[in-house]
Amino acid sequence: MTKIYLIVKDGCMPCARAKAELAKVDGWEKVVNLIDVTEDQEMIAFAKKCGVRMTPTLVALTDDEVVAMIEGPRELTEDFWRATVEKHAK
């Protein structure tokens, strides 16, 4: 099973944009895990383990291995999120 994470940080304007686009899609909470790395050391360690270099970053894991990563907000549009949620919703 693939787990999808959106890694964000408070005060990051591109992160705010990616989260706003995600919020437009009904049911996103069932598919995408929102991870804030502002001050949570456990979440920061998780992001580093996944190879995250910047926020926002989308990370998809299958069997705890990174199988997809998108850095930056450009591709994280409402249409992208809608397609992702439709594909992975159960």
N, C-alpha and C. Protein backbone atom coordinates (compact mmCIF):
# COMPACT_ATOMS: atom_id res chain seq x y z
N MET A 1 0.83 -1.18 0.00
CA MET A 1 0.00 0.00 0.00
C MET A 1 0.87 1.25 0.00
N THR A 2 0.51 2.21 -0.81
CA THR A 2 1.26 3.45 -0.91
C THR A 2 0.73 4.46 0.10
N LYS A 3 1.64 5.09 0.82
CA LYS A 3 1.31 6.16 1.75
C LYS A 3 1.83 7.46 1.16
N ILE A 4 1.00 8.49 1.19
CA ILE A 4 1.35 9.77 0.58
C ILE A 4 1.45 10.84 1.66
N TYR A 5 2.53 11.59 1.62
CA TYR A 5 2.78 12.64 2.60
C TYR A 5 3.05 13.96 1.89
N LEU A 6 2.49 15.03 2.42
CA LEU A 6 2.84 16.38 1.98
C LEU A 6 3.62 17.01 3.13
N ILE A 7 4.89 17.28 2.88
CA ILE A 7 5.77 17.86 3.88
C ILE A 7 5.75 19.37 3.73
N VAL A 8 5.36 20.07 4.81
CA VAL A 8 5.24 21.53 4.78
C VAL A 8 5.90 22.14 6.01
N LYS A 9 6.00 23.47 5.98
CA LYS A 9 6.58 24.21 7.10
C LYS A 9 5.78 25.49 7.29
N ASP A 10 5.47 25.84 8.54
CA ASP A 10 4.76 27.09 8.82
C ASP A 10 5.55 28.28 8.28
N GLY A 11 4.84 29.25 7.74
CA GLY A 11 5.47 30.45 7.23
C GLY A 11 5.99 30.32 5.81
N CYS A 12 5.89 29.15 5.24
CA CYS A 12 6.36 28.89 3.87
C CYS A 12 5.20 29.21 2.92
N MET A 13 5.33 30.24 2.12
CA MET A 13 4.25 30.64 1.21
C MET A 13 3.95 29.57 0.16
N PRO A 14 4.96 28.94 -0.45
CA PRO A 14 4.66 27.86 -1.38
C PRO A 14 3.91 26.70 -0.70
N CYS A 15 4.24 26.44 0.57
CA CYS A 15 3.53 25.40 1.33
C CYS A 15 2.07 25.78 1.51
N ALA A 16 1.82 27.04 1.84
CA ALA A 16 0.45 27.52 2.01
C ALA A 16 -0.33 27.34 0.72
N ARG A 17 0.31 27.62 -0.40
CA ARG A 17 -0.35 27.45 -1.70
C ARG A 17 -0.68 25.98 -1.97
N ALA A 18 0.28 25.09 -1.71
CA ALA A 18 0.05 23.66 -1.94
C ALA A 18 -1.05 23.14 -1.03
N LYS A 19 -1.08 23.59 0.23
CA LYS A 19 -2.12 23.16 1.16
C LYS A 19 -3.49 23.69 0.73
N ALA A 20 -3.53 24.91 0.23
CA ALA A 20 -4.80 25.49 -0.23
C ALA A 20 -5.35 24.71 -1.42
N GLU A 21 -4.49 24.31 -2.34
CA GLU A 21 -4.92 23.52 -3.49
C GLU A 21 -5.42 22.15 -3.03
N LEU A 22 -4.72 21.55 -2.09
CA LEU A 22 -5.11 20.26 -1.54
C LEU A 22 -6.47 20.35 -0.86
N ALA A 23 -6.69 21.41 -0.10
CA ALA A 23 -7.94 21.58 0.65
C ALA A 23 -9.17 21.69 -0.25
N LYS A 24 -8.99 22.00 -1.50
CA LYS A 24 -10.11 22.11 -2.44
C LYS A 24 -10.68 20.74 -2.83
N VAL A 25 -9.98 19.67 -2.50
CA VAL A 25 -10.36 18.33 -2.93
C VAL A 25 -11.03 17.58 -1.77
N ASP A 26 -12.27 17.20 -1.97
CA ASP A 26 -13.00 16.44 -0.96
C ASP A 26 -12.32 15.11 -0.70
N GLY A 27 -12.22 14.75 0.57
CA GLY A 27 -11.68 13.45 0.94
C GLY A 27 -10.16 13.35 0.97
N TRP A 28 -9.47 14.47 0.81
CA TRP A 28 -8.02 14.41 0.76
C TRP A 28 -7.43 13.82 2.05
N GLU A 29 -8.11 14.06 3.18
CA GLU A 29 -7.59 13.62 4.47
C GLU A 29 -7.45 12.10 4.55
N LYS A 30 -8.20 11.38 3.74
CA LYS A 30 -8.15 9.91 3.75
C LYS A 30 -6.96 9.39 2.94
N VAL A 31 -6.35 10.26 2.14
CA VAL A 31 -5.29 9.82 1.22
C VAL A 31 -3.94 10.45 1.53
N VAL A 32 -3.94 11.73 1.88
CA VAL A 32 -2.70 12.48 2.06
C VAL A 32 -2.49 12.80 3.53
N ASN A 33 -1.30 12.48 4.02
CA ASN A 33 -0.90 12.80 5.39
C ASN A 33 -0.12 14.11 5.36
N LEU A 34 -0.58 15.09 6.09
CA LEU A 34 0.08 16.39 6.14
C LEU A 34 1.11 16.37 7.26
N ILE A 35 2.36 16.61 6.93
CA ILE A 35 3.46 16.58 7.88
C ILE A 35 4.07 17.98 7.98
N ASP A 36 4.00 18.58 9.17
CA ASP A 36 4.57 19.90 9.39
C ASP A 36 5.91 19.75 10.10
N VAL A 37 6.96 20.23 9.46
CA VAL A 37 8.32 20.09 10.00
C VAL A 37 8.80 21.37 10.67
N THR A 38 7.87 22.23 11.07
CA THR A 38 8.27 23.51 11.66
C THR A 38 9.12 23.32 12.91
N GLU A 39 8.64 22.55 13.88
CA GLU A 39 9.39 22.38 15.12
C GLU A 39 9.39 20.95 15.63
N ASP A 40 8.67 20.06 15.01
CA ASP A 40 8.53 18.69 15.48
C ASP A 40 9.75 17.87 15.03
N GLN A 41 10.61 17.54 15.97
CA GLN A 41 11.86 16.84 15.64
C GLN A 41 11.61 15.47 15.02
N GLU A 42 10.55 14.80 15.46
CA GLU A 42 10.23 13.49 14.89
C GLU A 42 9.85 13.63 13.41
N MET A 43 9.08 14.67 13.08
CA MET A 43 8.67 14.90 11.70
C MET A 43 9.86 15.36 10.85
N ILE A 44 10.74 16.15 11.44
CA ILE A 44 11.95 16.58 10.74
C ILE A 44 12.81 15.35 10.41
N ALA A 45 12.96 14.45 11.36
CA ALA A 45 13.74 13.23 11.13
C ALA A 45 13.10 12.37 10.04
N PHE A 46 11.76 12.27 10.03
CA PHE A 46 11.06 11.52 9.00
C PHE A 46 11.34 12.13 7.62
N ALA A 47 11.23 13.45 7.53
CA ALA A 47 11.46 14.13 6.25
C ALA A 47 12.90 13.90 5.76
N LYS A 48 13.85 14.01 6.66
CA LYS A 48 15.25 13.77 6.29
C LYS A 48 15.46 12.34 5.81
N LYS A 49 14.84 11.38 6.50
CA LYS A 49 14.95 9.97 6.12
C LYS A 49 14.43 9.75 4.70
N CYS A 50 13.41 10.53 4.33
CA CYS A 50 12.81 10.40 2.99
C CYS A 50 13.61 11.16 1.92
N GLY A 51 14.59 11.94 2.35
CA GLY A 51 15.40 12.69 1.39
C GLY A 51 14.83 14.05 1.03
N VAL A 52 13.93 14.56 1.86
CA VAL A 52 13.31 15.86 1.59
C VAL A 52 14.36 16.96 1.78
N ARG A 53 14.45 17.84 0.77
CA ARG A 53 15.43 18.93 0.80
C ARG A 53 14.78 20.29 0.93
N MET A 54 13.48 20.36 0.64
CA MET A 54 12.79 21.64 0.66
C MET A 54 11.31 21.40 0.93
N THR A 55 10.61 22.48 1.24
CA THR A 55 9.16 22.39 1.39
C THR A 55 8.52 23.33 0.39
N PRO A 56 7.35 22.98 -0.10
CA PRO A 56 6.63 21.74 0.11
C PRO A 56 7.22 20.61 -0.73
N THR A 57 7.10 19.41 -0.21
CA THR A 57 7.50 18.22 -0.96
C THR A 57 6.45 17.13 -0.74
N LEU A 58 6.06 16.49 -1.82
CA LEU A 58 5.19 15.33 -1.74
C LEU A 58 6.08 14.11 -1.78
N VAL A 59 5.83 13.17 -0.88
CA VAL A 59 6.58 11.92 -0.83
C VAL A 59 5.58 10.77 -0.83
N ALA A 60 5.81 9.79 -1.68
CA ALA A 60 4.99 8.58 -1.68
C ALA A 60 5.89 7.41 -1.29
N LEU A 61 5.42 6.63 -0.32
CA LEU A 61 6.18 5.48 0.18
C LEU A 61 5.39 4.20 -0.05
N THR A 62 6.06 3.18 -0.50
CA THR A 62 5.50 1.84 -0.57
C THR A 62 6.47 0.93 0.18
N ASP A 63 5.95 0.22 1.17
CA ASP A 63 6.78 -0.64 2.02
C ASP A 63 7.96 0.14 2.60
N ASP A 64 7.68 1.37 3.04
CA ASP A 64 8.67 2.26 3.67
C ASP A 64 9.81 2.68 2.75
N GLU A 65 9.65 2.53 1.45
CA GLU A 65 10.63 2.98 0.47
C GLU A 65 10.02 4.12 -0.35
N VAL A 66 10.79 5.18 -0.58
CA VAL A 66 10.32 6.29 -1.40
C VAL A 66 10.16 5.82 -2.84
N VAL A 67 8.94 5.95 -3.37
CA VAL A 67 8.68 5.54 -4.75
C VAL A 67 8.36 6.73 -5.65
N ALA A 68 8.09 7.89 -5.03
CA ALA A 68 7.84 9.10 -5.81
C ALA A 68 8.08 10.31 -4.91
N MET A 69 8.55 11.40 -5.55
CA MET A 69 8.78 12.64 -4.82
C MET A 69 8.59 13.80 -5.78
N ILE A 70 7.88 14.81 -5.30
CA ILE A 70 7.71 16.05 -6.06
C ILE A 70 8.10 17.19 -5.14
N GLU A 71 9.09 17.96 -5.54
CA GLU A 71 9.54 19.11 -4.75
C GLU A 71 8.97 20.39 -5.34
N GLY A 72 8.51 21.26 -4.45
CA GLY A 72 7.99 22.56 -4.89
C GLY A 72 6.51 22.50 -5.22
N PRO A 73 5.88 23.66 -5.27
CA PRO A 73 4.43 23.72 -5.41
C PRO A 73 3.91 23.68 -6.84
N ARG A 74 4.76 23.85 -7.83
CA ARG A 74 4.29 24.03 -9.19
C ARG A 74 3.35 22.92 -9.67
N GLU A 75 3.70 21.67 -9.41
CA GLU A 75 2.87 20.55 -9.87
C GLU A 75 1.74 20.20 -8.90
N LEU A 76 1.76 20.77 -7.70
CA LEU A 76 0.79 20.40 -6.68
C LEU A 76 -0.48 21.25 -6.80
N THR A 77 -1.13 21.12 -7.93
CA THR A 77 -2.33 21.89 -8.24
C THR A 77 -3.58 21.14 -7.78
N GLU A 78 -4.71 21.81 -7.84
CA GLU A 78 -5.98 21.16 -7.51
C GLU A 78 -6.21 19.94 -8.39
N ASP A 79 -5.94 20.06 -9.69
CA ASP A 79 -6.12 18.93 -10.60
C ASP A 79 -5.22 17.75 -10.22
N PHE A 80 -3.98 18.04 -9.86
CA PHE A 80 -3.06 16.99 -9.44
C PHE A 80 -3.60 16.28 -8.20
N TRP A 81 -4.02 17.07 -7.21
CA TRP A 81 -4.53 16.49 -5.97
C TRP A 81 -5.80 15.69 -6.22
N ARG A 82 -6.68 16.21 -7.05
CA ARG A 82 -7.93 15.50 -7.35
C ARG A 82 -7.62 14.11 -7.95
N ALA A 83 -6.72 14.09 -8.93
CA ALA A 83 -6.34 12.82 -9.56
C ALA A 83 -5.69 11.88 -8.56
N THR A 84 -4.85 12.41 -7.68
CA THR A 84 -4.17 11.59 -6.67
C THR A 84 -5.17 10.99 -5.69
N VAL A 85 -6.10 11.81 -5.21
CA VAL A 85 -7.09 11.33 -4.26
C VAL A 85 -7.98 10.28 -4.92
N GLU A 86 -8.41 10.54 -6.14
CA GLU A 86 -9.26 9.56 -6.84
C GLU A 86 -8.54 8.24 -7.04
N LYS A 87 -7.26 8.29 -7.36
CA LYS A 87 -6.48 7.07 -7.60
C LYS A 87 -6.26 6.26 -6.33
N HIS A 88 -6.04 6.94 -5.21
CA HIS A 88 -5.62 6.25 -3.99
C HIS A 88 -6.71 6.13 -2.92
N ALA A 89 -7.88 6.73 -3.14
CA ALA A 89 -8.96 6.64 -2.15
C ALA A 89 -9.49 5.22 -2.09
N LYS A 90 -9.90 4.82 -0.92
CA LYS A 90 -10.44 3.47 -0.76
C LYS A 90 -11.84 3.54 -0.25
